[in-house]
């Protein structure tokens, strides 16, 4: 799933929080996660996007 498909999934599922994962694990799937987050926030205004660094946690 690329960024466009992920945004469509967000619109369908309507989560409150999205944490992008499985990006930039291989050269072939390099993504600009900040660009995705910006696009997602514009397209799905009700969602919070949290970009976590490896090992970082988010308390809900």
PDB file of N, CA and C in Angstrom:
ATOM      1  N   UNK A   1       0.846  -1.171   0.000  1.00  0.00           N
ATOM      2  CA  UNK A   1       0.000   0.000   0.000  1.00  0.00           C
ATOM      3  C   UNK A   1       0.888   1.230   0.000  1.00  0.00           C
ATOM      4  N   UNK A   2       0.669   2.088  -0.944  1.00  0.00           N
ATOM      5  CA  UNK A   2       1.407   3.342  -1.002  1.00  0.00           C
ATOM      6  C   UNK A   2       0.659   4.436  -0.261  1.00  0.00           C
ATOM      7  N   UNK A   3       1.187   5.645  -0.290  1.00  0.00           N
ATOM      8  CA  UNK A   3       0.569   6.742   0.447  1.00  0.00           C
ATOM      9  C   UNK A   3      -0.859   7.059   0.009  1.00  0.00           C
ATOM     10  N   UNK A   4      -1.126   7.042  -1.281  1.00  0.00           N
ATOM     11  CA  UNK A   4      -2.468   7.363  -1.771  1.00  0.00           C
ATOM     12  C   UNK A   4      -3.465   6.312  -1.298  1.00  0.00           C
ATOM     13  N   UNK A   5      -3.081   5.040  -1.398  1.00  0.00           N
ATOM     14  CA  UNK A   5      -3.963   3.969  -0.939  1.00  0.00           C
ATOM     15  C   UNK A   5      -4.153   4.023   0.577  1.00  0.00           C
ATOM     16  N   UNK A   6      -3.102   4.387   1.288  1.00  0.00           N
ATOM     17  CA  UNK A   6      -3.204   4.498   2.745  1.00  0.00           C
ATOM     18  C   UNK A   6      -4.183   5.607   3.137  1.00  0.00           C
ATOM     19  N   UNK A   7      -4.158   6.709   2.411  1.00  0.00           N
ATOM     20  CA  UNK A   7      -5.092   7.799   2.699  1.00  0.00           C
ATOM     21  C   UNK A   7      -6.523   7.361   2.399  1.00  0.00           C
ATOM     22  N   UNK A   8      -6.722   6.612   1.330  1.00  0.00           N
ATOM     23  CA  UNK A   8      -8.054   6.089   1.033  1.00  0.00           C
ATOM     24  C   UNK A   8      -8.519   5.142   2.146  1.00  0.00           C
ATOM     25  N   UNK A   9      -7.602   4.317   2.662  1.00  0.00           N
ATOM     26  CA  UNK A   9      -7.947   3.420   3.767  1.00  0.00           C
ATOM     27  C   UNK A   9      -8.327   4.219   5.017  1.00  0.00           C
ATOM     28  N   UNK A  10      -7.609   5.292   5.282  1.00  0.00           N
ATOM     29  CA  UNK A  10      -7.926   6.150   6.424  1.00  0.00           C
ATOM     30  C   UNK A  10      -9.344   6.707   6.275  1.00  0.00           C
ATOM     31  N   UNK A  11      -9.686   7.152   5.075  1.00  0.00           N
ATOM     32  CA  UNK A  11     -11.023   7.696   4.839  1.00  0.00           C
ATOM     33  C   UNK A  11     -12.104   6.638   5.051  1.00  0.00           C
ATOM     34  N   UNK A  12     -11.824   5.396   4.661  1.00  0.00           N
ATOM     35  CA  UNK A  12     -12.801   4.324   4.816  1.00  0.00           C
ATOM     36  C   UNK A  12     -12.949   3.874   6.266  1.00  0.00           C
ATOM     37  N   UNK A  13     -11.822   3.701   6.945  1.00  0.00           N
ATOM     38  CA  UNK A  13     -11.827   3.157   8.311  1.00  0.00           C
ATOM     39  C   UNK A  13     -12.154   4.233   9.349  1.00  0.00           C
ATOM     40  N   UNK A  14     -11.729   5.464   9.077  1.00  0.00           N
ATOM     41  CA  UNK A  14     -11.971   6.614   9.949  1.00  0.00           C
ATOM     42  C   UNK A  14     -11.405   6.439  11.368  1.00  0.00           C
ATOM     43  N   UNK A  15     -10.113   6.116  11.472  1.00  0.00           N
ATOM     44  CA  UNK A  15      -9.508   6.008  12.804  1.00  0.00           C
ATOM     45  C   UNK A  15      -9.303   7.396  13.405  1.00  0.00           C
ATOM     46  N   UNK A  16      -9.131   7.455  14.705  1.00  0.00           N
ATOM     47  CA  UNK A  16      -8.823   8.722  15.357  1.00  0.00           C
ATOM     48  C   UNK A  16      -7.340   9.043  15.240  1.00  0.00           C
ATOM     49  N   UNK A  17      -6.513   7.986  15.287  1.00  0.00           N
ATOM     50  CA  UNK A  17      -5.050   8.131  15.261  1.00  0.00           C
ATOM     51  C   UNK A  17      -4.475   7.190  14.209  1.00  0.00           C
ATOM     52  N   UNK A  18      -3.480   7.681  13.471  1.00  0.00           N
ATOM     53  CA  UNK A  18      -2.742   6.861  12.508  1.00  0.00           C
ATOM     54  C   UNK A  18      -1.265   6.960  12.838  1.00  0.00           C
ATOM     55  N   UNK A  19      -0.611   5.812  12.913  1.00  0.00           N
ATOM     56  CA  UNK A  19       0.837   5.755  13.125  1.00  0.00           C
ATOM     57  C   UNK A  19       1.439   5.048  11.907  1.00  0.00           C
ATOM     58  N   UNK A  20       2.058   5.799  11.006  1.00  0.00           N
ATOM     59  CA  UNK A  20       2.658   5.163   9.826  1.00  0.00           C
ATOM     60  C   UNK A  20       3.748   4.162  10.245  1.00  0.00           C
ATOM     61  N   UNK A  21       3.772   3.037   9.554  1.00  0.00           N
ATOM     62  CA  UNK A  21       4.808   2.028   9.828  1.00  0.00           C
ATOM     63  C   UNK A  21       5.155   1.318   8.527  1.00  0.00           C
ATOM     64  N   UNK A  22       6.199   0.545   8.569  1.00  0.00           N
ATOM     65  CA  UNK A  22       6.656  -0.236   7.417  1.00  0.00           C
ATOM     66  C   UNK A  22       7.043   0.637   6.227  1.00  0.00           C
ATOM     67  N   UNK A  23       7.575   1.810   6.478  1.00  0.00           N
ATOM     68  CA  UNK A  23       8.083   2.646   5.401  1.00  0.00           C
ATOM     69  C   UNK A  23       9.598   2.760   5.587  1.00  0.00           C
ATOM     70  N   UNK A  24      10.293   2.882   4.493  1.00  0.00           N
ATOM     71  CA  UNK A  24      11.757   3.026   4.475  1.00  0.00           C
ATOM     72  C   UNK A  24      12.500   1.852   5.102  1.00  0.00           C
ATOM     73  N   UNK A  25      11.869   0.681   5.107  1.00  0.00           N
ATOM     74  CA  UNK A  25      12.572  -0.502   5.606  1.00  0.00           C
ATOM     75  C   UNK A  25      13.470  -1.111   4.523  1.00  0.00           C
ATOM     76  N   UNK A  26      13.164  -0.828   3.257  1.00  0.00           N
ATOM     77  CA  UNK A  26      13.962  -1.265   2.123  1.00  0.00           C
ATOM     78  C   UNK A  26      14.045  -0.109   1.136  1.00  0.00           C
ATOM     79  N   UNK A  27      15.095  -0.077   0.351  1.00  0.00           N
ATOM     80  CA  UNK A  27      15.282   0.985  -0.634  1.00  0.00           C
ATOM     81  C   UNK A  27      14.094   1.090  -1.585  1.00  0.00           C
ATOM     82  N   UNK A  28      13.537  -0.042  -1.982  1.00  0.00           N
ATOM     83  CA  UNK A  28      12.431  -0.042  -2.954  1.00  0.00           C
ATOM     84  C   UNK A  28      11.148   0.550  -2.400  1.00  0.00           C
ATOM     85  N   UNK A  29      11.006   0.634  -1.083  1.00  0.00           N
ATOM     86  CA  UNK A  29       9.774   1.195  -0.523  1.00  0.00           C
ATOM     87  C   UNK A  29      10.041   2.498   0.225  1.00  0.00           C
ATOM     88  N   UNK A  30      11.013   3.257  -0.268  1.00  0.00           N
ATOM     89  CA  UNK A  30      11.330   4.546   0.346  1.00  0.00           C
ATOM     90  C   UNK A  30      10.137   5.494   0.201  1.00  0.00           C
ATOM     91  N   UNK A  31       9.734   6.111   1.283  1.00  0.00           N
ATOM     92  CA  UNK A  31       8.629   7.071   1.293  1.00  0.00           C
ATOM     93  C   UNK A  31       9.022   8.276   2.127  1.00  0.00           C
ATOM     94  N   UNK A  32       8.478   9.405   1.795  1.00  0.00           N
ATOM     95  CA  UNK A  32       8.645  10.619   2.592  1.00  0.00           C
ATOM     96  C   UNK A  32       7.477  10.664   3.565  1.00  0.00           C
ATOM     97  N   UNK A  33       7.684  10.181   4.780  1.00  0.00           N
ATOM     98  CA  UNK A  33       6.587  10.041   5.735  1.00  0.00           C
ATOM     99  C   UNK A  33       5.974  11.386   6.102  1.00  0.00           C
ATOM    100  N   UNK A  34       6.761  12.434   6.118  1.00  0.00           N
ATOM    101  CA  UNK A  34       6.218  13.756   6.433  1.00  0.00           C
ATOM    102  C   UNK A  34       5.260  14.237   5.343  1.00  0.00           C
ATOM    103  N   UNK A  35       5.577  13.913   4.087  1.00  0.00           N
ATOM    104  CA  UNK A  35       4.690  14.270   2.979  1.00  0.00           C
ATOM    105  C   UNK A  35       3.383  13.495   3.114  1.00  0.00           C
ATOM    106  N   UNK A  36       3.473  12.203   3.429  1.00  0.00           N
ATOM    107  CA  UNK A  36       2.265  11.399   3.657  1.00  0.00           C
ATOM    108  C   UNK A  36       1.422  12.010   4.766  1.00  0.00           C
ATOM    109  N   UNK A  37       2.047  12.354   5.884  1.00  0.00           N
ATOM    110  CA  UNK A  37       1.316  12.904   7.027  1.00  0.00           C
ATOM    111  C   UNK A  37       0.604  14.196   6.634  1.00  0.00           C
ATOM    112  N   UNK A  38       1.271  15.050   5.906  1.00  0.00           N
ATOM    113  CA  UNK A  38       0.674  16.307   5.467  1.00  0.00           C
ATOM    114  C   UNK A  38      -0.515  16.052   4.551  1.00  0.00           C
ATOM    115  N   UNK A  39      -0.359  15.146   3.592  1.00  0.00           N
ATOM    116  CA  UNK A  39      -1.452  14.794   2.689  1.00  0.00           C
ATOM    117  C   UNK A  39      -2.623  14.203   3.460  1.00  0.00           C
ATOM    118  N   UNK A  40      -2.339  13.300   4.370  1.00  0.00           N
ATOM    119  CA  UNK A  40      -3.388  12.633   5.136  1.00  0.00           C
ATOM    120  C   UNK A  40      -4.160  13.636   5.989  1.00  0.00           C
ATOM    121  N   UNK A  41      -3.463  14.556   6.606  1.00  0.00           N
ATOM    122  CA  UNK A  41      -4.134  15.548   7.442  1.00  0.00           C
ATOM    123  C   UNK A  41      -5.021  16.476   6.610  1.00  0.00           C
ATOM    124  N   UNK A  42      -4.625  16.751   5.376  1.00  0.00           N
ATOM    125  CA  UNK A  42      -5.465  17.576   4.486  1.00  0.00           C
ATOM    126  C   UNK A  42      -6.697  16.813   4.013  1.00  0.00           C
ATOM    127  N   UNK A  43      -6.505  15.536   3.709  1.00  0.00           N
ATOM    128  CA  UNK A  43      -7.587  14.717   3.142  1.00  0.00           C
ATOM    129  C   UNK A  43      -8.543  14.160   4.191  1.00  0.00           C
ATOM    130  N   UNK A  44      -8.029  13.851   5.358  1.00  0.00           N
ATOM    131  CA  UNK A  44      -8.831  13.254   6.435  1.00  0.00           C
ATOM    132  C   UNK A  44      -8.647  14.110   7.685  1.00  0.00           C
ATOM    133  N   UNK A  45      -9.388  15.181   7.749  1.00  0.00           N
ATOM    134  CA  UNK A  45      -9.149  16.200   8.768  1.00  0.00           C
ATOM    135  C   UNK A  45      -9.433  15.741  10.196  1.00  0.00           C
ATOM    136  N   UNK A  46     -10.150  14.652  10.373  1.00  0.00           N
ATOM    137  CA  UNK A  46     -10.493  14.180  11.721  1.00  0.00           C
ATOM    138  C   UNK A  46      -9.403  13.304  12.343  1.00  0.00           C
ATOM    139  N   UNK A  47      -8.375  12.964  11.594  1.00  0.00           N
ATOM    140  CA  UNK A  47      -7.364  12.017  12.065  1.00  0.00           C
ATOM    141  C   UNK A  47      -6.122  12.737  12.587  1.00  0.00           C
ATOM    142  N   UNK A  48      -5.512  12.158  13.602  1.00  0.00           N
ATOM    143  CA  UNK A  48      -4.217  12.632  14.100  1.00  0.00           C
ATOM    144  C   UNK A  48      -3.152  11.687  13.567  1.00  0.00           C
ATOM    145  N   UNK A  49      -2.131  12.241  12.946  1.00  0.00           N
ATOM    146  CA  UNK A  49      -1.019  11.439  12.436  1.00  0.00           C
ATOM    147  C   UNK A  49       0.138  11.582  13.414  1.00  0.00           C
ATOM    148  N   UNK A  50       0.654  10.451  13.884  1.00  0.00           N
ATOM    149  CA  UNK A  50       1.803  10.452  14.795  1.00  0.00           C
ATOM    150  C   UNK A  50       2.936   9.675  14.132  1.00  0.00           C
ATOM    151  N   UNK A  51       4.021  10.357  13.847  1.00  0.00           N
ATOM    152  CA  UNK A  51       5.204   9.716  13.274  1.00  0.00           C
ATOM    153  C   UNK A  51       6.143   9.418  14.431  1.00  0.00           C
ATOM    154  N   UNK A  52       6.387   8.153  14.669  1.00  0.00           N
ATOM    155  CA  UNK A  52       7.246   7.732  15.773  1.00  0.00           C
ATOM    156  C   UNK A  52       8.615   7.321  15.252  1.00  0.00           C
ATOM    157  N   UNK A  53       9.619   7.633  16.012  1.00  0.00           N
ATOM    158  CA  UNK A  53      10.979   7.162  15.732  1.00  0.00           C
ATOM    159  C   UNK A  53      11.102   5.731  16.237  1.00  0.00           C
ATOM    160  N   UNK A  54      12.040   4.939  15.664  1.00  0.00           N
ATOM    161  CA  UNK A  54      12.225   3.582  16.167  1.00  0.00           C
ATOM    162  C   UNK A  54      12.431   3.567  17.686  1.00  0.00           C
ATOM    163  N   UNK A  55      11.647   2.744  18.362  1.00  0.00           N
ATOM    164  CA  UNK A  55      11.732   2.614  19.815  1.00  0.00           C
ATOM    165  C   UNK A  55      10.868   3.602  20.571  1.00  0.00           C
ATOM    166  N   UNK A  56      10.356   4.612  19.893  1.00  0.00           N
ATOM    167  CA  UNK A  56       9.512   5.606  20.529  1.00  0.00           C
ATOM    168  C   UNK A  56       8.123   5.026  20.779  1.00  0.00           C
ATOM    169  N   UNK A  57       7.468   5.479  21.832  1.00  0.00           N
ATOM    170  CA  UNK A  57       6.129   4.997  22.147  1.00  0.00           C
ATOM    171  C   UNK A  57       5.146   6.178  22.173  1.00  0.00           C
ATOM    172  N   UNK A  58       3.891   5.830  22.120  1.00  0.00           N
ATOM    173  CA  UNK A  58       2.826   6.825  22.185  1.00  0.00           C
ATOM    174  C   UNK A  58       1.824   6.316  23.207  1.00  0.00           C
ATOM    175  N   UNK A  59       1.590   7.103  24.246  1.00  0.00           N
ATOM    176  CA  UNK A  59       0.621   6.707  25.249  1.00  0.00           C
ATOM    177  C   UNK A  59      -0.738   7.249  24.846  1.00  0.00           C
ATOM    178  N   UNK A  60      -1.710   6.372  24.838  1.00  0.00           N
ATOM    179  CA  UNK A  60      -3.067   6.758  24.434  1.00  0.00           C
ATOM    180  C   UNK A  60      -3.929   7.039  25.643  1.00  0.00           C
TER     181      UNK A  60
END
